[in-house]
C-alpha atoms as a PDB file:
ATOM      1  CA  UNK A   1      28.881  -1.223 -51.761  1.00  0.00           C
ATOM      2  CA  UNK A   2      30.679  -0.819 -48.239  1.00  0.00           C
ATOM      3  CA  UNK A   3      28.948  -3.094 -45.683  1.00  0.00           C
ATOM      4  CA  UNK A   4      27.309  -1.339 -42.471  1.00  0.00           C
ATOM      5  CA  UNK A   5      27.746  -2.257 -38.957  1.00  0.00           C
ATOM      6  CA  UNK A   6      26.106  -1.303 -35.738  1.00  0.00           C
ATOM      7  CA  UNK A   7      28.309   0.510 -33.022  1.00  0.00           C
ATOM      8  CA  UNK A   8      27.941   2.291 -29.886  1.00  0.00           C
ATOM      9  CA  UNK A   9      29.358   5.860 -29.259  1.00  0.00           C
ATOM     10  CA  UNK A  10      31.508   5.589 -26.139  1.00  0.00           C
ATOM     11  CA  UNK A  11      33.291   9.045 -26.501  1.00  0.00           C
ATOM     12  CA  UNK A  12      32.904  12.482 -27.928  1.00  0.00           C
ATOM     13  CA  UNK A  13      35.195  15.637 -28.584  1.00  0.00           C
ATOM     14  CA  UNK A  14      33.639  17.986 -30.921  1.00  0.00           C
ATOM     15  CA  UNK A  15      32.791  16.254 -34.148  1.00  0.00           C
ATOM     16  CA  UNK A  16      35.290  13.435 -33.391  1.00  0.00           C
ATOM     17  CA  UNK A  17      34.043  10.233 -31.915  1.00  0.00           C
ATOM     18  CA  UNK A  18      34.930   6.777 -30.733  1.00  0.00           C
ATOM     19  CA  UNK A  19      32.625   3.990 -31.705  1.00  0.00           C
ATOM     20  CA  UNK A  20      32.688   0.719 -30.177  1.00  0.00           C
ATOM     21  CA  UNK A  21      31.717  -1.714 -32.937  1.00  0.00           C
ATOM     22  CA  UNK A  22      29.263  -4.579 -32.427  1.00  0.00           C
ATOM     23  CA  UNK A  23      31.683  -7.006 -33.636  1.00  0.00           C
ATOM     24  CA  UNK A  24      34.829  -5.550 -32.177  1.00  0.00           C
ATOM     25  CA  UNK A  25      38.572  -6.898 -32.608  1.00  0.00           C
ATOM     26  CA  UNK A  26      40.494  -7.013 -29.593  1.00  0.00           C
ATOM     27  CA  UNK A  27      43.477  -5.209 -31.337  1.00  0.00           C
ATOM     28  CA  UNK A  28      41.140  -2.543 -32.490  1.00  0.00           C
ATOM     29  CA  UNK A  29      38.140  -2.097 -30.060  1.00  0.00           C
ATOM     30  CA  UNK A  30      37.182   1.375 -31.079  1.00  0.00           C
ATOM     31  CA  UNK A  31      36.723   3.055 -34.453  1.00  0.00           C
ATOM     32  CA  UNK A  32      37.661   6.874 -34.848  1.00  0.00           C
ATOM     33  CA  UNK A  33      34.579   8.194 -36.485  1.00  0.00           C
ATOM     34  CA  UNK A  34      33.154  11.362 -38.026  1.00  0.00           C
ATOM     35  CA  UNK A  35      29.459  12.031 -38.848  1.00  0.00           C
ATOM     36  CA  UNK A  36      28.206  12.216 -42.480  1.00  0.00           C
ATOM     37  CA  UNK A  37      26.908  15.615 -43.096  1.00  0.00           C
ATOM     38  CA  UNK A  38      27.875  18.893 -41.410  1.00  0.00           C
ATOM     39  CA  UNK A  39      24.572  19.253 -39.262  1.00  0.00           C
ATOM     40  CA  UNK A  40      24.698  15.626 -38.128  1.00  0.00           C
ATOM     41  CA  UNK A  41      25.900  15.199 -34.512  1.00  0.00           C
ATOM     42  CA  UNK A  42      26.125  11.987 -32.547  1.00  0.00           C
ATOM     43  CA  UNK A  43      26.356  11.818 -28.617  1.00  0.00           C
ATOM     44  CA  UNK A  44      27.682   9.481 -26.146  1.00  0.00           C
ATOM     45  CA  UNK A  45      25.487   6.638 -25.587  1.00  0.00           C
ATOM     46  CA  UNK A  46      24.086   6.663 -29.241  1.00  0.00           C
ATOM     47  CA  UNK A  47      23.590   3.401 -31.240  1.00  0.00           C
ATOM     48  CA  UNK A  48      24.725   4.161 -34.689  1.00  0.00           C
ATOM     49  CA  UNK A  49      25.213   2.606 -38.037  1.00  0.00           C
ATOM     50  CA  UNK A  50      28.644   3.101 -39.484  1.00  0.00           C
ATOM     51  CA  UNK A  51      30.834   2.171 -42.485  1.00  0.00           C
ATOM     52  CA  UNK A  52      34.434   1.438 -42.221  1.00  0.00           C
ATOM     53  CA  UNK A  53      36.926   3.387 -44.133  1.00  0.00           C
ATOM     54  CA  UNK A  54      39.980   1.902 -42.754  1.00  0.00           C
ATOM     55  CA  UNK A  55      40.815  -0.655 -40.082  1.00  0.00           C
ATOM     56  CA  UNK A  56      40.437   1.894 -37.292  1.00  0.00           C
ATOM     57  CA  UNK A  57      38.294   4.532 -39.011  1.00  0.00           C
ATOM     58  CA  UNK A  58      34.710   4.867 -40.151  1.00  0.00           C
ATOM     59  CA  UNK A  59      31.902   7.299 -40.697  1.00  0.00           C
ATOM     60  CA  UNK A  60      28.843   7.695 -38.911  1.00  0.00           C
ATOM     61  CA  UNK A  61      25.779   6.951 -41.469  1.00  0.00           C
ATOM     62  CA  UNK A  62      22.780   6.936 -39.262  1.00  0.00           C
ATOM     63  CA  UNK A  63      22.046   7.590 -35.438  1.00  0.00           C
ATOM     64  CA  UNK A  64      19.309   5.253 -34.353  1.00  0.00           C
ATOM     65  CA  UNK A  65      16.265   6.514 -32.363  1.00  0.00           C
ATOM     66  CA  UNK A  66      17.160   7.886 -28.998  1.00  0.00           C
ATOM     67  CA  UNK A  67      14.896   7.188 -25.802  1.00  0.00           C
ATOM     68  CA  UNK A  68      16.469   9.636 -23.610  1.00  0.00           C
ATOM     69  CA  UNK A  69      18.980  12.554 -24.042  1.00  0.00           C
ATOM     70  CA  UNK A  70      20.357  15.645 -22.376  1.00  0.00           C
ATOM     71  CA  UNK A  71      21.775  19.037 -24.289  1.00  0.00           C
ATOM     72  CA  UNK A  72      24.151  21.821 -23.654  1.00  0.00           C
ATOM     73  CA  UNK A  73      22.523  24.903 -24.646  1.00  0.00           C
ATOM     74  CA  UNK A  74      22.312  28.705 -24.765  1.00  0.00           C
ATOM     75  CA  UNK A  75      19.792  31.085 -26.360  1.00  0.00           C
ATOM     76  CA  UNK A  76      21.358  30.427 -29.899  1.00  0.00           C
ATOM     77  CA  UNK A  77      22.383  26.627 -30.108  1.00  0.00           C
ATOM     78  CA  UNK A  78      21.853  23.264 -28.612  1.00  0.00           C
ATOM     79  CA  UNK A  79      23.826  20.125 -28.594  1.00  0.00           C
ATOM     80  CA  UNK A  80      23.012  16.722 -27.328  1.00  0.00           C
ATOM     81  CA  UNK A  81      25.951  15.225 -25.175  1.00  0.00           C
ATOM     82  CA  UNK A  82      24.426  12.041 -23.872  1.00  0.00           C
ATOM     83  CA  UNK A  83      21.673   9.595 -24.696  1.00  0.00           C
ATOM     84  CA  UNK A  84      20.019   6.248 -24.020  1.00  0.00           C
ATOM     85  CA  UNK A  85      20.522   6.264 -20.206  1.00  0.00           C
ATOM     86  CA  UNK A  86      18.216   4.593 -17.733  1.00  0.00           C
ATOM     87  CA  UNK A  87      18.777   6.668 -14.869  1.00  0.00           C
ATOM     88  CA  UNK A  88      20.458   9.898 -13.839  1.00  0.00           C
ATOM     89  CA  UNK A  89      22.858  10.380 -10.923  1.00  0.00           C
ATOM     90  CA  UNK A  90      23.468  13.769  -9.487  1.00  0.00           C
ATOM     91  CA  UNK A  91      26.373  14.540  -7.500  1.00  0.00           C
ATOM     92  CA  UNK A  92      26.511  17.306  -4.916  1.00  0.00           C
ATOM     93  CA  UNK A  93      29.008  17.739  -2.149  1.00  0.00           C
ATOM     94  CA  UNK A  94      29.063  19.353   1.293  1.00  0.00           C
ATOM     95  CA  UNK A  95      31.487  21.785  -0.201  1.00  0.00           C
ATOM     96  CA  UNK A  96      31.202  23.696  -2.646  1.00  0.00           C
ATOM     97  CA  UNK A  97      27.698  24.810  -1.980  1.00  0.00           C
ATOM     98  CA  UNK A  98      24.782  22.823  -3.202  1.00  0.00           C
ATOM     99  CA  UNK A  99      23.840  24.127  -6.656  1.00  0.00           C
ATOM    100  CA  UNK A 100      20.058  23.531  -6.545  1.00  0.00           C
ATOM    101  CA  UNK A 101      19.232  25.435  -9.736  1.00  0.00           C
ATOM    102  CA  UNK A 102      21.567  22.670 -11.573  1.00  0.00           C
ATOM    103  CA  UNK A 103      20.065  19.713  -9.414  1.00  0.00           C
ATOM    104  CA  UNK A 104      16.465  21.085 -10.205  1.00  0.00           C
ATOM    105  CA  UNK A 105      17.154  21.286 -14.114  1.00  0.00           C
ATOM    106  CA  UNK A 106      18.550  17.701 -13.936  1.00  0.00           C
ATOM    107  CA  UNK A 107      15.459  16.427 -12.083  1.00  0.00           C
ATOM    108  CA  UNK A 108      13.126  18.164 -14.609  1.00  0.00           C
ATOM    109  CA  UNK A 109      15.040  16.396 -17.391  1.00  0.00           C
ATOM    110  CA  UNK A 110      14.855  12.856 -15.609  1.00  0.00           C
ATOM    111  CA  UNK A 111      11.075  13.651 -15.425  1.00  0.00           C
ATOM    112  CA  UNK A 112      10.717  14.535 -19.004  1.00  0.00           C
ATOM    113  CA  UNK A 113      12.561  11.495 -20.214  1.00  0.00           C
ATOM    114  CA  UNK A 114      11.023   9.132 -17.635  1.00  0.00           C
ATOM    115  CA  UNK A 115      14.082   8.082 -16.204  1.00  0.00           C
ATOM    116  CA  UNK A 116      14.885   7.594 -12.501  1.00  0.00           C
ATOM    117  CA  UNK A 117      16.874  10.256 -10.576  1.00  0.00           C
ATOM    118  CA  UNK A 118      19.323   9.592  -7.851  1.00  0.00           C
ATOM    119  CA  UNK A 119      20.920  12.321  -5.664  1.00  0.00           C
ATOM    120  CA  UNK A 120      24.155  11.607  -3.972  1.00  0.00           C
ATOM    121  CA  UNK A 121      25.840  13.727  -1.300  1.00  0.00           C
ATOM    122  CA  UNK A 122      29.518  13.388  -1.110  1.00  0.00           C
ATOM    123  CA  UNK A 123      32.102  14.872   1.308  1.00  0.00           C
ATOM    124  CA  UNK A 124      29.940  14.078   4.244  1.00  0.00           C
ATOM    125  CA  UNK A 125      33.179  13.852   6.200  1.00  0.00           C
ATOM    126  CA  UNK A 126      33.089  17.542   6.412  1.00  0.00           C
ATOM    127  CA  UNK A 127      30.529  17.422   9.067  1.00  0.00           C
ATOM    128  CA  UNK A 128      29.393  21.041   9.808  1.00  0.00           C
ATOM    129  CA  UNK A 129      28.899  21.660   5.821  1.00  0.00           C
ATOM    130  CA  UNK A 130      27.172  18.224   5.579  1.00  0.00           C
ATOM    131  CA  UNK A 131      24.475  19.341   7.894  1.00  0.00           C
ATOM    132  CA  UNK A 132      23.538  22.181   5.875  1.00  0.00           C
ATOM    133  CA  UNK A 133      23.480  20.429   2.778  1.00  0.00           C
ATOM    134  CA  UNK A 134      21.510  17.511   4.303  1.00  0.00           C
ATOM    135  CA  UNK A 135      18.802  20.041   5.375  1.00  0.00           C
ATOM    136  CA  UNK A 136      18.129  21.324   1.978  1.00  0.00           C
ATOM    137  CA  UNK A 137      18.369  17.517   1.006  1.00  0.00           C
ATOM    138  CA  UNK A 138      15.390  16.710   3.203  1.00  0.00           C
ATOM    139  CA  UNK A 139      13.146  18.665   0.926  1.00  0.00           C
ATOM    140  CA  UNK A 140      14.035  16.480  -2.026  1.00  0.00           C
ATOM    141  CA  UNK A 141      13.538  13.389  -0.058  1.00  0.00           C
ATOM    142  CA  UNK A 142       9.875  14.645   0.962  1.00  0.00           C
ATOM    143  CA  UNK A 143       9.407  14.912  -2.744  1.00  0.00           C
ATOM    144  CA  UNK A 144      10.057  11.347  -3.355  1.00  0.00           C
ATOM    145  CA  UNK A 145      13.531  11.487  -4.607  1.00  0.00           C
ATOM    146  CA  UNK A 146      16.310   9.148  -3.260  1.00  0.00           C
ATOM    147  CA  UNK A 147      19.139  11.015  -1.705  1.00  0.00           C
ATOM    148  CA  UNK A 148      22.339   8.901  -0.512  1.00  0.00           C
ATOM    149  CA  UNK A 149      25.053  10.340   1.575  1.00  0.00           C
ATOM    150  CA  UNK A 150      28.727   9.097   0.922  1.00  0.00           C
ATOM    151  CA  UNK A 151      32.557   9.949   1.552  1.00  0.00           C
ATOM    152  CA  UNK A 152      34.111   8.861  -1.624  1.00  0.00           C
ATOM    153  CA  UNK A 153      37.518   9.799  -0.289  1.00  0.00           C
ATOM    154  CA  UNK A 154      37.425   8.835   3.360  1.00  0.00           C
ATOM    155  CA  UNK A 155      35.142   5.737   2.977  1.00  0.00           C
ATOM    156  CA  UNK A 156      35.359   4.347  -0.418  1.00  0.00           C
ATOM    157  CA  UNK A 157      34.110   1.015   0.373  1.00  0.00           C
ATOM    158  CA  UNK A 158      31.041   2.070   1.895  1.00  0.00           C
ATOM    159  CA  UNK A 159      30.469   4.517  -0.835  1.00  0.00           C
ATOM    160  CA  UNK A 160      31.144   1.614  -3.655  1.00  0.00           C
ATOM    161  CA  UNK A 161      28.483  -0.600  -1.875  1.00  0.00           C
ATOM    162  CA  UNK A 162      26.032   1.761  -1.641  1.00  0.00           C
ATOM    163  CA  UNK A 163      26.133   2.711  -5.486  1.00  0.00           C
ATOM    164  CA  UNK A 164      27.019  -0.501  -7.117  1.00  0.00           C
ATOM    165  CA  UNK A 165      23.884  -2.021  -6.390  1.00  0.00           C
ATOM    166  CA  UNK A 166      22.076   0.885  -7.901  1.00  0.00           C
ATOM    167  CA  UNK A 167      24.047   0.939 -10.795  1.00  0.00           C
ATOM    168  CA  UNK A 168      23.845  -2.706 -11.810  1.00  0.00           C
ATOM    169  CA  UNK A 169      22.661  -3.412 -15.242  1.00  0.00           C
ATOM    170  CA  UNK A 170      21.811   0.295 -15.561  1.00  0.00           C
ATOM    171  CA  UNK A 171      23.114   3.009 -18.192  1.00  0.00           C
ATOM    172  CA  UNK A 172      23.651   5.796 -15.676  1.00  0.00           C
ATOM    173  CA  UNK A 173      24.438   9.405 -16.327  1.00  0.00           C
ATOM    174  CA  UNK A 174      26.599  10.994 -14.038  1.00  0.00           C
ATOM    175  CA  UNK A 175      26.170  14.817 -13.625  1.00  0.00           C
ATOM    176  CA  UNK A 176      27.395  17.384 -11.074  1.00  0.00           C
ATOM    177  CA  UNK A 177      29.253  20.669 -10.747  1.00  0.00           C
ATOM    178  CA  UNK A 178      33.091  20.726 -10.825  1.00  0.00           C
ATOM    179  CA  UNK A 179      34.444  20.115  -7.291  1.00  0.00           C
ATOM    180  CA  UNK A 180      32.046  17.587  -6.115  1.00  0.00           C
ATOM    181  CA  UNK A 181      34.388  14.446  -6.392  1.00  0.00           C
ATOM    182  CA  UNK A 182      32.874  13.254  -9.632  1.00  0.00           C
ATOM    183  CA  UNK A 183      36.227  11.875 -10.829  1.00  0.00           C
ATOM    184  CA  UNK A 184      37.083   9.991  -7.447  1.00  0.00           C
ATOM    185  CA  UNK A 185      33.664   8.599  -7.953  1.00  0.00           C
ATOM    186  CA  UNK A 186      34.191   7.420 -11.695  1.00  0.00           C
ATOM    187  CA  UNK A 187      37.541   5.842 -10.496  1.00  0.00           C
ATOM    188  CA  UNK A 188      35.882   4.090  -7.655  1.00  0.00           C
ATOM    189  CA  UNK A 189      32.969   2.651  -9.595  1.00  0.00           C
ATOM    190  CA  UNK A 190      34.982   2.037 -12.857  1.00  0.00           C
ATOM    191  CA  UNK A 191      38.608   0.714 -11.965  1.00  0.00           C
ATOM    192  CA  UNK A 192      41.062   1.872 -14.511  1.00  0.00           C
ATOM    193  CA  UNK A 193      38.965   4.637 -15.553  1.00  0.00           C
ATOM    194  CA  UNK A 194      41.854   7.293 -15.408  1.00  0.00           C
ATOM    195  CA  UNK A 195      43.997   5.105 -17.826  1.00  0.00           C
ATOM    196  CA  UNK A 196      40.926   4.571 -20.234  1.00  0.00           C
ATOM    197  CA  UNK A 197      40.376   8.381 -20.324  1.00  0.00           C
ATOM    198  CA  UNK A 198      44.175   8.770 -21.375  1.00  0.00           C
ATOM    199  CA  UNK A 199      43.790   6.103 -23.990  1.00  0.00           C
ATOM    200  CA  UNK A 200      40.443   7.757 -25.271  1.00  0.00           C
ATOM    201  CA  UNK A 201      42.056  11.154 -25.013  1.00  0.00           C
ATOM    202  CA  UNK A 202      44.758   9.875 -27.334  1.00  0.00           C
ATOM    203  CA  UNK A 203      42.545   8.356 -29.643  1.00  0.00           C
ATOM    204  CA  UNK A 204      40.528  11.724 -30.087  1.00  0.00           C
ATOM    205  CA  UNK A 205      43.790  13.495 -30.373  1.00  0.00           C
ATOM    206  CA  UNK A 206      42.862  15.865 -27.638  1.00  0.00           C
ATOM    207  CA  UNK A 207      45.977  15.267 -25.514  1.00  0.00           C
ATOM    208  CA  UNK A 208      46.845  12.655 -22.758  1.00  0.00           C
ATOM    209  CA  UNK A 209      45.576  14.912 -19.881  1.00  0.00           C
ATOM    210  CA  UNK A 210      42.501  16.484 -21.488  1.00  0.00           C
ATOM    211  CA  UNK A 211      39.334  15.117 -19.890  1.00  0.00           C
ATOM    212  CA  UNK A 212      36.999  17.764 -21.286  1.00  0.00           C
ATOM    213  CA  UNK A 213      34.860  15.158 -22.971  1.00  0.00           C
ATOM    214  CA  UNK A 214      32.094  12.890 -22.692  1.00  0.00           C
ATOM    215  CA  UNK A 215      32.844   9.257 -22.300  1.00  0.00           C
ATOM    216  CA  UNK A 216      31.222   5.837 -21.331  1.00  0.00           C
ATOM    217  CA  UNK A 217      32.790   3.253 -19.280  1.00  0.00           C
ATOM    218  CA  UNK A 218      31.678  -0.313 -18.707  1.00  0.00           C
ATOM    219  CA  UNK A 219      30.941  -1.403 -15.194  1.00  0.00           C
ATOM    220  CA  UNK A 220      32.277  -5.035 -13.873  1.00  0.00           C
ATOM    221  CA  UNK A 221      28.829  -5.804 -12.691  1.00  0.00           C
ATOM    222  CA  UNK A 222      26.923  -4.911 -15.811  1.00  0.00           C
ATOM    223  CA  UNK A 223      25.814  -1.593 -16.846  1.00  0.00           C
ATOM    224  CA  UNK A 224      27.857   1.609 -17.893  1.00  0.00           C
ATOM    225  CA  UNK A 225      28.522   4.744 -16.574  1.00  0.00           C
ATOM    226  CA  UNK A 226      28.288   7.922 -18.777  1.00  0.00           C
ATOM    227  CA  UNK A 227      30.616  10.825 -17.394  1.00  0.00           C
ATOM    228  CA  UNK A 228      30.599  14.405 -18.753  1.00  0.00           C
ATOM    229  CA  UNK A 229      32.839  17.246 -17.606  1.00  0.00           C
ATOM    230  CA  UNK A 230      31.499  19.456 -14.572  1.00  0.00           C
ATOM    231  CA  UNK A 231      29.516  22.291 -15.897  1.00  0.00           C
ATOM    232  CA  UNK A 232      27.044  25.099 -14.763  1.00  0.00           C
ATOM    233  CA  UNK A 233      24.116  24.688 -17.039  1.00  0.00           C
ATOM    234  CA  UNK A 234      22.529  22.455 -19.436  1.00  0.00           C
ATOM    235  CA  UNK A 235      19.345  23.287 -21.685  1.00  0.00           C
ATOM    236  CA  UNK A 236      15.576  22.104 -21.573  1.00  0.00           C
ATOM    237  CA  UNK A 237      14.456  23.757 -24.693  1.00  0.00           C
ATOM    238  CA  UNK A 238      13.041  20.352 -25.829  1.00  0.00           C
ATOM    239  CA  UNK A 239      10.825  20.087 -22.999  1.00  0.00           C
ATOM    240  CA  UNK A 240       7.227  21.432 -22.895  1.00  0.00           C
ATOM    241  CA  UNK A 241       5.775  23.912 -20.561  1.00  0.00           C
ATOM    242  CA  UNK A 242       3.292  21.392 -19.614  1.00  0.00           C
ATOM    243  CA  UNK A 243       5.953  18.852 -18.644  1.00  0.00           C
ATOM    244  CA  UNK A 244       7.697  21.584 -16.541  1.00  0.00           C
ATOM    245  CA  UNK A 245       4.578  22.098 -14.416  1.00  0.00           C
ATOM    246  CA  UNK A 246       4.327  18.083 -13.937  1.00  0.00           C
ATOM    247  CA  UNK A 247       7.750  17.894 -13.010  1.00  0.00           C
ATOM    248  CA  UNK A 248       7.493  19.960 -10.033  1.00  0.00           C
ATOM    249  CA  UNK A 249       5.524  17.412  -8.078  1.00  0.00           C
ATOM    250  CA  UNK A 250       4.807  19.836  -5.275  1.00  0.00           C
ATOM    251  CA  UNK A 251       2.618  21.730  -7.550  1.00  0.00           C
ATOM    252  CA  UNK A 252       0.137  18.844  -8.067  1.00  0.00           C
ATOM    253  CA  UNK A 253      -2.063  19.408  -4.863  1.00  0.00           C
ATOM    254  CA  UNK A 254      -2.682  22.912  -5.892  1.00  0.00           C
ATOM    255  CA  UNK A 255      -3.232  22.982  -9.532  1.00  0.00           C
ATOM    256  CA  UNK A 256      -6.711  21.827  -9.852  1.00  0.00           C
ATOM    257  CA  UNK A 257      -7.585  24.923  -7.579  1.00  0.00           C
ATOM    258  CA  UNK A 258      -6.267  27.393 -10.043  1.00  0.00           C
ATOM    259  CA  UNK A 259      -9.045  29.656 -11.559  1.00  0.00           C
ATOM    260  CA  UNK A 260      -7.948  28.796 -14.989  1.00  0.00           C
ATOM    261  CA  UNK A 261      -7.430  25.284 -16.477  1.00  0.00           C
ATOM    262  CA  UNK A 262      -4.602  26.389 -18.436  1.00  0.00           C
ATOM    263  CA  UNK A 263      -2.855  28.432 -15.679  1.00  0.00           C
ATOM    264  CA  UNK A 264       0.780  28.813 -16.119  1.00  0.00           C
ATOM    265  CA  UNK A 265       1.495  29.727 -12.552  1.00  0.00           C
ATOM    266  CA  UNK A 266       3.139  33.056 -13.374  1.00  0.00           C
ATOM    267  CA  UNK A 267       0.933  36.104 -13.147  1.00  0.00           C
ATOM    268  CA  UNK A 268      -2.570  34.714 -13.473  1.00  0.00           C
ATOM    269  CA  UNK A 269      -5.058  35.866 -11.035  1.00  0.00           C
ATOM    270  CA  UNK A 270      -6.366  33.202  -8.357  1.00  0.00           C
ATOM    271  CA  UNK A 271      -3.483  30.910  -9.090  1.00  0.00           C
ATOM    272  CA  UNK A 272      -3.440  28.315  -6.125  1.00  0.00           C
ATOM    273  CA  UNK A 273       0.225  27.508  -6.882  1.00  0.00           C
ATOM    274  CA  UNK A 274       1.465  31.127  -6.344  1.00  0.00           C
ATOM    275  CA  UNK A 275      -0.791  31.363  -3.345  1.00  0.00           C
ATOM    276  CA  UNK A 276       0.893  28.258  -1.879  1.00  0.00           C
ATOM    277  CA  UNK A 277       4.444  29.745  -2.579  1.00  0.00           C
ATOM    278  CA  UNK A 278       3.447  32.961  -0.424  1.00  0.00           C
ATOM    279  CA  UNK A 279       2.301  30.572   2.149  1.00  0.00           C
ATOM    280  CA  UNK A 280       5.390  28.610   2.205  1.00  0.00           C
ATOM    281  CA  UNK A 281       3.754  25.588   1.210  1.00  0.00           C
ATOM    282  CA  UNK A 282       5.722  25.360  -2.095  1.00  0.00           C
ATOM    283  CA  UNK A 283       9.769  26.211  -1.874  1.00  0.00           C
ATOM    284  CA  UNK A 284      10.453  29.469  -3.064  1.00  0.00           C
ATOM    285  CA  UNK A 285      13.579  28.376  -4.724  1.00  0.00           C
ATOM    286  CA  UNK A 286      11.989  25.704  -6.403  1.00  0.00           C
ATOM    287  CA  UNK A 287       9.175  27.939  -7.628  1.00  0.00           C
ATOM    288  CA  UNK A 288      11.979  30.497  -8.819  1.00  0.00           C
ATOM    289  CA  UNK A 289      13.569  27.739 -11.044  1.00  0.00           C
ATOM    290  CA  UNK A 290      10.212  26.725 -12.594  1.00  0.00           C
ATOM    291  CA  UNK A 291       9.527  30.475 -13.597  1.00  0.00           C
ATOM    292  CA  UNK A 292      12.936  30.916 -14.853  1.00  0.00           C
ATOM    293  CA  UNK A 293      12.736  27.877 -16.978  1.00  0.00           C
ATOM    294  CA  UNK A 294       9.437  29.120 -18.623  1.00  0.00           C
ATOM    295  CA  UNK A 295      11.288  32.602 -19.265  1.00  0.00           C
ATOM    296  CA  UNK A 296      13.912  30.729 -20.933  1.00  0.00           C
ATOM    297  CA  UNK A 297      11.680  28.781 -23.028  1.00  0.00           C
ATOM    298  CA  UNK A 298      10.139  31.891 -24.260  1.00  0.00           C
ATOM    299  CA  UNK A 299      13.541  33.318 -25.260  1.00  0.00           C
ATOM    300  CA  UNK A 300      15.042  30.177 -26.750  1.00  0.00           C
ATOM    301  CA  UNK A 301      15.199  30.037 -30.543  1.00  0.00           C
ATOM    302  CA  UNK A 302      16.836  27.315 -32.627  1.00  0.00           C
END
């Protein structure tokens, strides 16, 4: 019988995975693995049980229980791409314009899994655009979120010092749209990441210059950074409607004033939350995201 051993999934591309065995050999730090069974899929950050099939190859036999995860999904399918993280770091930039719908989804996901959320505004050297972005971030600060401002290209040392203390000994999932400077940030926080990406890409047989896969980088001060390609959406189908309402903390002062205890804050009469939106006590864009998430939950079938 083949002996089993534990490992950590450090990169994923399709159903191809790189696993760092708990007892790794310096000459072979990763195993190229496939999951057992057609429906079984792992995610970067998963702790797994594996069986070796060759010196550098193995099979994922079991995925151990996850404590946090995020999915990419549409109406028809969903796929977990990262798991077991302690905090979520969402990168925005002065340019391109802040994507609040994507930011809002990330904050809901963080709330649902009880992980910290950190917002970072990059490219603050673009002063005029940064002022506009900063004005919107004030809303999130008022809701209790931490929002840092950096310029990773023009002031890299200042950016590193701000972030390293918050990432130390934490597994951090890095999210954000394309064009916000995530790659610059990864190379700043995890020196040698570009070379490691080429090494991982070759091992996954995706080509030396392909970066469209999720991967995990250990950080020198402890902890790790999970980086995923820039994307425009991710699924929250596994989050309940009750959690949606709780995640929008600005709703809470008004919820108890609704006529119905099970009010969904959409079309019900005498809804105090909708009244607060009309009175501009709740941000209209935030409420629009809440309503959209509930509509998506009703349409999604997996």
